[in-house]
Amino acid sequence: MDMLSSLSQFHFIRPWWLLLVLLAVFLMWSVFKRSDSLRVWKNVISPQLLKHLLIRESTEQGRWRPVYMLGLAWLAGIVALAGPSWQLQNSPFSEDQAAMFIVLKVSPEMLSMDIQPSRLQRSTLKIHDLLALKSDVRTGLIAYAGSAHLVMPLTSDSGIINSSAAALEPEIMPQPGDEVSAAIAMANQRLKKAVVPGSIVLITDAVDAAQLSELTAIRKRGGVDVHILAMAAAANVIPPAGSPPAPALDMRALSAAAKALGGSLTVVTADKSDVIELSKKIEHSISNAPAGDGQQWKDAGYYLLPFIAFFLLTFFRRGGAVVSE
C-alpha cells in the first residue's frame, strides 16, 4: 500500500529538463550514424555483396557499442536533472521552530493618545511583551501605511525587533494610506519561503472595509492565520488635548477583518492579559498548521549518479570510444 501511495506521488521537481531528451535523441542518431564504420562502403557496394565481405559479423551483432552506453548515460543524466521525487522531507534550511510576523500600522492616526502614551508607543510595548512570551519563535517585522515595507526579516534576536519597532514613525513612511492587504501578503510570502509553521499578528487601530475582499482572497490563496490586536479606545474615551484625530475603536469592522483573515480579534488592555491571550491564539494556530509546512520534496536524482558513472566507466576499456568523423 505504501508503494502504491509513493507511486501516486511520483513527479519531477524540474520537469522542463526532460525537454533535453529530444536533443539527446537527435545527437544519438547523429553519433550513431557517424560511428557506423560501414557507412562509406554502403554507398559504393551493394548490400547483398557487402554482407558476404564482412568479417566476424556474428560476433559483433550482439555487442554493446560505446554509442549505446553514451545514450544510457545521457538519458540517466537528464532524468537526474529533472529531479524525480516521491517523498517529502524536512527542509535543510528550516530550523526546528515556528515563525511569526508582526505587521504594524504606522500612520498619523497611530499617534492618537486615547491609548497612553500613544497608540504607536503602546504597540511597541506590546511587541516587547509578546516577544518575551514567544522567545522560541523567530519573528519578523513589517510596517505599513499607504505601502508595506519589510523592517526586519525573520530573526531569533528579539532585541533588534524591539529597537526597530521603537524607531518607527509616520514621517518615515513614504506614502500615507491603509494598505493592510499588501502588508499581510508580504508577511505570508516571507513565511512561505521560511517553510516552517507560522502565524501573523496585525497591530492596527482600524481596517478599511475596502480591503476586506483582498484580505479574503489572501486567505483563500493559503494565507496563515492572522490575529489582530486592536490598538484603539472606545468612543466614550476622550483623548487629551493636542491628540491627533483618529477614529474610535470599531469592533464590527475589525471583527470582519479577523474573520476574513481566518484569525481572531484581541482588544488592547492596560495589563498583559491581552498579550497572554494573543500568545495562546498564536500557539494554537502554529500547532494546527498544515502538515506540509516545513517540508519539501526529496530530490531522488542523486540515486542515478552510480548508474551514470557505470555507463561512463565503459569508455575506459580498450576500444570504448565514440568516434565522430
Protein backbone atom coordinates (compact mmCIF):
# COMPACT_ATOMS: atom_id res chain seq x y z
CA MET A 1 0.00 0.00 0.00
CA ASP A 2 2.89 2.34 0.81
CA MET A 3 4.44 1.58 -2.58
CA LEU A 4 1.19 2.46 -4.35
CA SER A 5 0.99 5.70 -2.37
CA SER A 6 4.57 6.59 -3.33
CA LEU A 7 3.91 5.84 -6.99
CA SER A 8 0.85 8.09 -6.94
CA GLN A 9 3.04 10.95 -5.67
CA PHE A 10 5.80 10.41 -8.21
CA HIS A 11 6.63 13.56 -10.16
CA PHE A 12 9.58 15.59 -11.42
CA ILE A 13 10.67 18.65 -9.45
CA ARG A 14 12.22 20.27 -12.55
CA PRO A 15 10.26 18.69 -15.44
CA TRP A 16 11.49 21.20 -18.04
CA TRP A 17 14.85 19.36 -18.10
CA LEU A 18 13.07 16.47 -19.82
CA LEU A 19 12.97 18.57 -22.97
CA LEU A 20 16.65 17.69 -23.36
CA VAL A 21 15.53 14.17 -24.30
CA LEU A 22 14.61 15.49 -27.75
CA LEU A 23 18.08 16.98 -28.19
CA ALA A 24 19.69 13.80 -26.85
CA VAL A 25 17.76 11.64 -29.34
CA PHE A 26 18.91 13.82 -32.21
CA LEU A 27 22.54 13.76 -31.04
CA MET A 28 22.42 10.00 -30.52
CA TRP A 29 21.05 9.47 -34.01
CA SER A 30 23.81 11.70 -35.40
CA VAL A 31 26.57 9.97 -33.44
CA PHE A 32 25.21 6.51 -34.28
CA LYS A 33 25.12 7.34 -37.95
CA ARG A 34 28.65 8.78 -37.94
CA SER A 35 30.08 5.91 -35.87
CA ASP A 36 28.97 3.31 -38.43
CA SER A 37 32.27 2.07 -39.88
CA LEU A 38 30.47 0.65 -42.93
CA ARG A 39 28.72 3.89 -43.78
CA VAL A 40 31.11 4.75 -46.67
CA TRP A 41 31.10 1.20 -48.09
CA LYS A 42 27.31 1.03 -48.09
CA ASN A 43 27.28 3.87 -50.59
CA VAL A 44 29.53 2.06 -53.11
CA ILE A 45 28.88 -1.65 -52.58
CA SER A 46 25.59 -3.43 -52.95
CA PRO A 47 24.16 -4.55 -49.58
CA GLN A 48 23.80 -8.13 -50.91
CA LEU A 49 27.55 -8.28 -51.62
CA LEU A 50 28.64 -6.28 -48.56
CA LYS A 51 27.23 -8.75 -46.04
CA HIS A 52 29.41 -11.50 -47.57
CA LEU A 53 32.51 -9.35 -47.29
CA LEU A 54 32.11 -8.71 -43.55
CA ILE A 55 34.43 -10.49 -41.13
CA ARG A 56 33.14 -11.67 -37.70
CA GLU A 57 29.67 -10.38 -38.38
CA SER A 58 28.02 -12.79 -35.96
CA THR A 59 30.23 -11.81 -33.03
CA GLU A 60 29.65 -8.08 -33.44
CA GLN A 61 25.87 -8.10 -33.79
CA GLY A 62 25.14 -8.59 -30.10
CA ARG A 63 27.97 -6.49 -28.74
CA TRP A 64 27.14 -3.34 -26.82
CA ARG A 65 28.65 -0.49 -28.77
CA PRO A 66 30.01 2.60 -26.94
CA VAL A 67 27.30 4.75 -28.50
CA TYR A 68 24.67 2.69 -26.64
CA MET A 69 26.36 3.31 -23.30
CA LEU A 70 26.64 7.01 -24.10
CA GLY A 71 22.91 7.12 -24.80
CA LEU A 72 22.07 5.44 -21.49
CA ALA A 73 24.36 7.84 -19.62
CA TRP A 74 22.70 10.84 -21.27
CA LEU A 75 19.22 9.50 -20.50
CA ALA A 76 20.05 8.85 -16.84
CA GLY A 77 21.65 12.29 -16.55
CA ILE A 78 18.59 14.04 -17.97
CA VAL A 79 16.25 12.17 -15.63
CA ALA A 80 18.52 13.07 -12.69
CA LEU A 81 18.48 16.76 -13.66
CA ALA A 82 14.66 16.67 -13.85
CA GLY A 83 14.57 15.70 -10.18
CA PRO A 84 12.41 12.59 -9.77
CA SER A 85 10.66 12.64 -6.40
CA TRP A 86 8.01 10.74 -4.46
CA GLN A 87 8.83 11.54 -0.82
CA LEU A 88 8.62 14.61 1.43
CA GLN A 89 11.48 15.58 3.73
CA ASN A 90 12.18 18.34 6.21
CA SER A 91 13.77 21.38 4.60
CA PRO A 92 17.52 21.50 5.33
CA PHE A 93 17.28 25.29 5.58
CA SER A 94 14.49 25.42 8.19
CA GLU A 95 15.04 25.50 11.92
CA ASP A 96 13.09 23.37 14.38
CA GLN A 97 10.99 26.30 15.48
CA ALA A 98 7.98 28.27 14.33
CA ALA A 99 7.90 31.73 12.83
CA MET A 100 5.79 34.81 13.41
CA PHE A 101 5.47 38.08 11.55
CA ILE A 102 4.33 41.24 13.31
CA VAL A 103 2.59 43.66 10.95
CA LEU A 104 2.42 47.15 12.46
CA LYS A 105 0.40 50.09 11.18
CA VAL A 106 2.50 53.27 11.19
CA SER A 107 0.21 56.15 10.27
CA PRO A 108 -0.63 59.59 11.78
CA GLU A 109 -3.75 58.09 13.38
CA MET A 110 -1.49 55.79 15.40
CA LEU A 111 -0.15 58.87 17.20
CA SER A 112 -3.51 59.39 18.89
CA MET A 113 -3.22 59.46 22.67
CA ASP A 114 -6.56 57.83 23.51
CA ILE A 115 -4.27 54.88 24.32
CA GLN A 116 -1.47 56.16 26.56
CA PRO A 117 1.21 57.23 25.85
CA SER A 118 0.03 56.83 22.21
CA ARG A 119 -1.31 54.04 20.04
CA LEU A 120 2.06 53.61 18.33
CA GLN A 121 4.12 53.70 21.52
CA ARG A 122 1.80 51.26 23.25
CA SER A 123 2.15 49.00 20.21
CA THR A 124 5.92 48.83 20.68
CA LEU A 125 5.43 47.99 24.37
CA LYS A 126 3.04 45.19 23.45
CA ILE A 127 5.53 43.87 20.90
CA HIS A 128 8.15 43.73 23.67
CA ASP A 129 5.76 41.80 25.95
CA LEU A 130 4.76 39.41 23.16
CA LEU A 131 8.35 38.62 22.23
CA ALA A 132 9.12 37.89 25.87
CA LEU A 133 6.43 35.19 25.79
CA LYS A 134 7.38 33.82 22.36
CA SER A 135 11.17 33.68 22.75
CA ASP A 136 11.30 30.33 20.92
CA VAL A 137 9.67 31.75 17.78
CA ARG A 138 11.60 33.52 15.05
CA THR A 139 10.00 36.89 14.43
CA GLY A 140 9.91 39.36 11.57
CA LEU A 141 8.55 42.91 11.41
CA ILE A 142 6.63 44.68 8.64
CA ALA A 143 5.47 48.30 8.78
CA TYR A 144 2.73 49.68 6.57
CA ALA A 145 0.71 52.78 5.80
CA GLY A 146 -0.01 53.53 2.13
CA SER A 147 2.61 50.88 1.26
CA ALA A 148 4.14 47.87 3.01
CA HIS A 149 7.82 47.61 3.93
CA LEU A 150 9.95 44.85 5.44
CA VAL A 151 11.61 46.31 8.53
CA MET A 152 13.26 43.13 9.75
CA PRO A 153 13.27 39.58 8.28
CA LEU A 154 12.77 36.55 10.49
CA THR A 155 15.28 36.54 13.32
CA SER A 156 15.75 34.96 16.74
CA ASP A 157 17.09 38.27 18.11
CA SER A 158 14.11 39.85 19.87
CA GLY A 159 16.20 42.87 20.83
CA ILE A 160 16.61 44.00 17.23
CA ILE A 161 12.86 43.63 16.65
CA ASN A 162 12.12 45.79 19.72
CA SER A 163 14.57 48.51 18.73
CA SER A 164 13.36 48.53 15.12
CA ALA A 165 9.72 48.85 16.19
CA ALA A 166 10.55 51.69 18.59
CA ALA A 167 12.23 53.64 15.78
CA LEU A 168 9.18 53.62 13.51
CA GLU A 169 7.39 56.95 12.98
CA PRO A 170 4.71 58.00 10.46
CA GLU A 171 7.10 60.59 8.99
CA ILE A 172 9.40 57.91 7.58
CA MET A 173 6.62 56.11 5.71
CA PRO A 174 6.79 57.06 2.01
CA GLN A 175 3.04 57.01 1.33
CA PRO A 176 0.01 57.79 3.50
CA GLY A 177 -2.90 55.40 3.49
CA ASP A 178 -4.02 52.00 4.76
CA GLU A 179 -2.68 49.19 2.54
CA VAL A 180 -3.04 46.42 5.10
CA SER A 181 -3.61 43.80 2.39
CA ALA A 182 -0.17 44.49 0.87
CA ALA A 183 1.44 44.05 4.31
CA ILE A 184 -0.39 40.77 5.01
CA ALA A 185 0.52 39.45 1.55
CA MET A 186 4.19 40.28 2.16
CA ALA A 187 4.17 38.52 5.53
CA ASN A 188 2.58 35.42 4.01
CA GLN A 189 5.17 35.37 1.24
CA ARG A 190 8.01 35.55 3.76
CA LEU A 191 6.54 32.77 5.89
CA LYS A 192 6.12 30.59 2.83
CA LYS A 193 9.81 30.98 2.00
CA ALA A 194 10.72 30.08 5.59
CA VAL A 195 8.90 26.70 5.17
CA VAL A 196 8.02 26.49 8.87
CA PRO A 197 4.64 26.71 10.63
CA GLY A 198 3.82 30.34 11.24
CA SER A 199 1.30 32.99 12.19
CA ILE A 200 0.82 36.73 11.70
CA VAL A 201 0.00 39.39 14.29
CA LEU A 202 -1.60 42.54 12.93
CA ILE A 203 -1.39 45.55 15.25
CA THR A 204 -3.70 48.25 13.98
CA ASP A 205 -6.36 50.72 15.07
CA ALA A 206 -8.67 50.13 12.09
CA VAL A 207 -9.05 48.26 8.83
CA ASP A 208 -10.59 49.89 5.78
CA ALA A 209 -13.70 47.98 4.65
CA ALA A 210 -12.47 48.32 1.06
CA GLN A 211 -9.60 45.97 1.95
CA LEU A 212 -11.82 43.07 3.09
CA SER A 213 -12.22 41.47 -0.34
CA GLU A 214 -8.46 41.38 -0.89
CA LEU A 215 -7.87 40.06 2.64
CA THR A 216 -10.36 37.26 1.96
CA ALA A 217 -8.57 36.44 -1.30
CA ILE A 218 -5.21 36.24 0.51
CA ARG A 219 -6.69 33.76 2.97
CA LYS A 220 -8.16 31.63 0.18
CA ARG A 221 -4.74 31.51 -1.52
CA GLY A 222 -3.37 29.71 1.53
CA GLY A 223 -2.59 32.56 3.88
CA VAL A 224 -1.83 31.69 7.51
CA ASP A 225 -3.97 32.75 10.47
CA VAL A 226 -3.82 36.48 11.21
CA HIS A 227 -4.56 37.60 14.77
CA ILE A 228 -5.46 41.25 15.19
CA LEU A 229 -4.51 43.33 18.23
CA ALA A 230 -6.85 46.33 18.16
CA MET A 231 -4.93 49.42 19.23
CA ALA A 232 -7.75 51.92 19.78
CA ALA A 233 -10.02 53.09 22.60
CA ALA A 234 -13.79 53.06 22.66
CA ALA A 235 -15.78 56.11 21.53
CA ASN A 236 -16.52 57.13 25.13
CA VAL A 237 -12.80 57.63 25.87
CA ILE A 238 -11.86 61.31 25.48
CA PRO A 239 -8.21 61.75 24.38
CA PRO A 240 -6.14 64.53 25.99
CA ALA A 241 -5.80 67.95 24.38
CA GLY A 242 -3.42 68.02 21.43
CA SER A 243 -4.01 64.40 20.49
CA PRO A 244 -4.11 63.84 16.71
CA PRO A 245 -7.59 62.99 15.39
CA ALA A 246 -8.25 59.29 14.92
CA PRO A 247 -11.30 57.05 14.62
CA ALA A 248 -12.52 55.27 17.74
CA LEU A 249 -12.50 51.51 18.13
CA ASP A 250 -14.79 49.87 15.54
CA MET A 251 -15.35 46.32 16.75
CA ARG A 252 -17.62 45.40 13.85
CA ALA A 253 -15.09 46.36 11.15
CA LEU A 254 -12.15 44.74 12.96
CA SER A 255 -14.14 41.56 13.62
CA ALA A 256 -14.99 41.37 9.92
CA ALA A 257 -11.29 41.72 9.08
CA ALA A 258 -10.32 39.00 11.58
CA LYS A 259 -12.93 36.68 10.08
CA ALA A 260 -11.69 37.36 6.54
CA LEU A 261 -8.14 36.52 7.64
CA GLY A 262 -9.13 33.33 9.47
CA GLY A 263 -7.82 34.64 12.77
CA SER A 264 -9.05 36.39 15.89
CA LEU A 265 -9.50 39.84 17.42
CA THR A 266 -7.99 40.94 20.74
CA VAL A 267 -8.51 44.42 22.17
CA VAL A 268 -5.60 46.14 23.89
CA THR A 269 -5.66 46.22 27.69
CA ALA A 270 -3.75 48.16 30.31
CA ASP A 271 -2.17 44.98 31.68
CA LYS A 272 -0.60 41.99 29.93
CA SER A 273 -3.80 39.95 29.67
CA ASP A 274 -4.21 40.89 26.00
CA VAL A 275 -0.70 39.69 25.14
CA ILE A 276 -1.18 36.45 27.07
CA GLU A 277 -4.44 35.78 25.22
CA LEU A 278 -2.79 36.64 21.90
CA SER A 279 0.13 34.31 22.62
CA LYS A 280 -2.25 31.39 23.22
CA LYS A 281 -4.03 32.06 19.92
CA ILE A 282 -0.71 32.17 18.05
CA GLU A 283 0.36 28.89 19.63
CA HIS A 284 -2.93 27.28 18.61
CA SER A 285 -2.54 28.47 15.00
CA ILE A 286 1.02 27.18 14.76
CA SER A 287 0.17 23.77 16.26
CA ASN A 288 -2.70 23.39 13.77
CA ALA A 289 -0.70 24.47 10.73
CA PRO A 290 -0.89 22.15 7.66
CA ALA A 291 1.29 19.04 7.88
CA GLY A 292 3.22 20.02 4.78
CA ASP A 293 4.69 23.13 6.39
CA GLY A 294 8.44 22.90 6.81
CA GLN A 295 8.79 20.10 4.26
CA GLN A 296 9.87 19.86 0.66
CA TRP A 297 10.04 17.12 -1.96
CA LYS A 298 13.15 14.94 -1.75
CA ASP A 299 15.24 15.01 -4.92
CA ALA A 300 15.96 11.38 -5.85
CA GLY A 301 18.04 12.29 -8.90
CA TYR A 302 21.20 11.66 -6.87
CA TYR A 303 20.40 7.94 -6.82
CA LEU A 304 21.10 7.81 -10.56
CA LEU A 305 24.70 9.00 -10.21
CA PRO A 306 26.17 5.47 -9.70
CA PHE A 307 24.44 4.29 -12.90
CA ILE A 308 25.77 7.29 -14.83
CA ALA A 309 29.27 6.59 -13.52
CA PHE A 310 28.95 2.91 -14.50
CA PHE A 311 27.92 3.76 -18.06
CA LEU A 312 30.78 6.22 -18.42
CA LEU A 313 33.33 3.77 -16.97
CA THR A 314 32.83 1.56 -20.02
CA PHE A 315 34.71 4.14 -22.07
CA PHE A 316 37.92 3.35 -20.16
CA ARG A 317 38.12 -0.14 -21.62
CA ARG A 318 40.04 -0.85 -24.82
CA GLY A 319 38.03 0.27 -27.84
CA GLY A 320 35.47 2.08 -25.69
CA ALA A 321 35.20 5.33 -27.63
CA VAL A 322 32.64 7.14 -29.71
CA VAL A 323 34.27 8.48 -32.85
CA SER A 324 32.62 11.22 -34.92
CA GLU A 325 34.08 11.59 -38.36
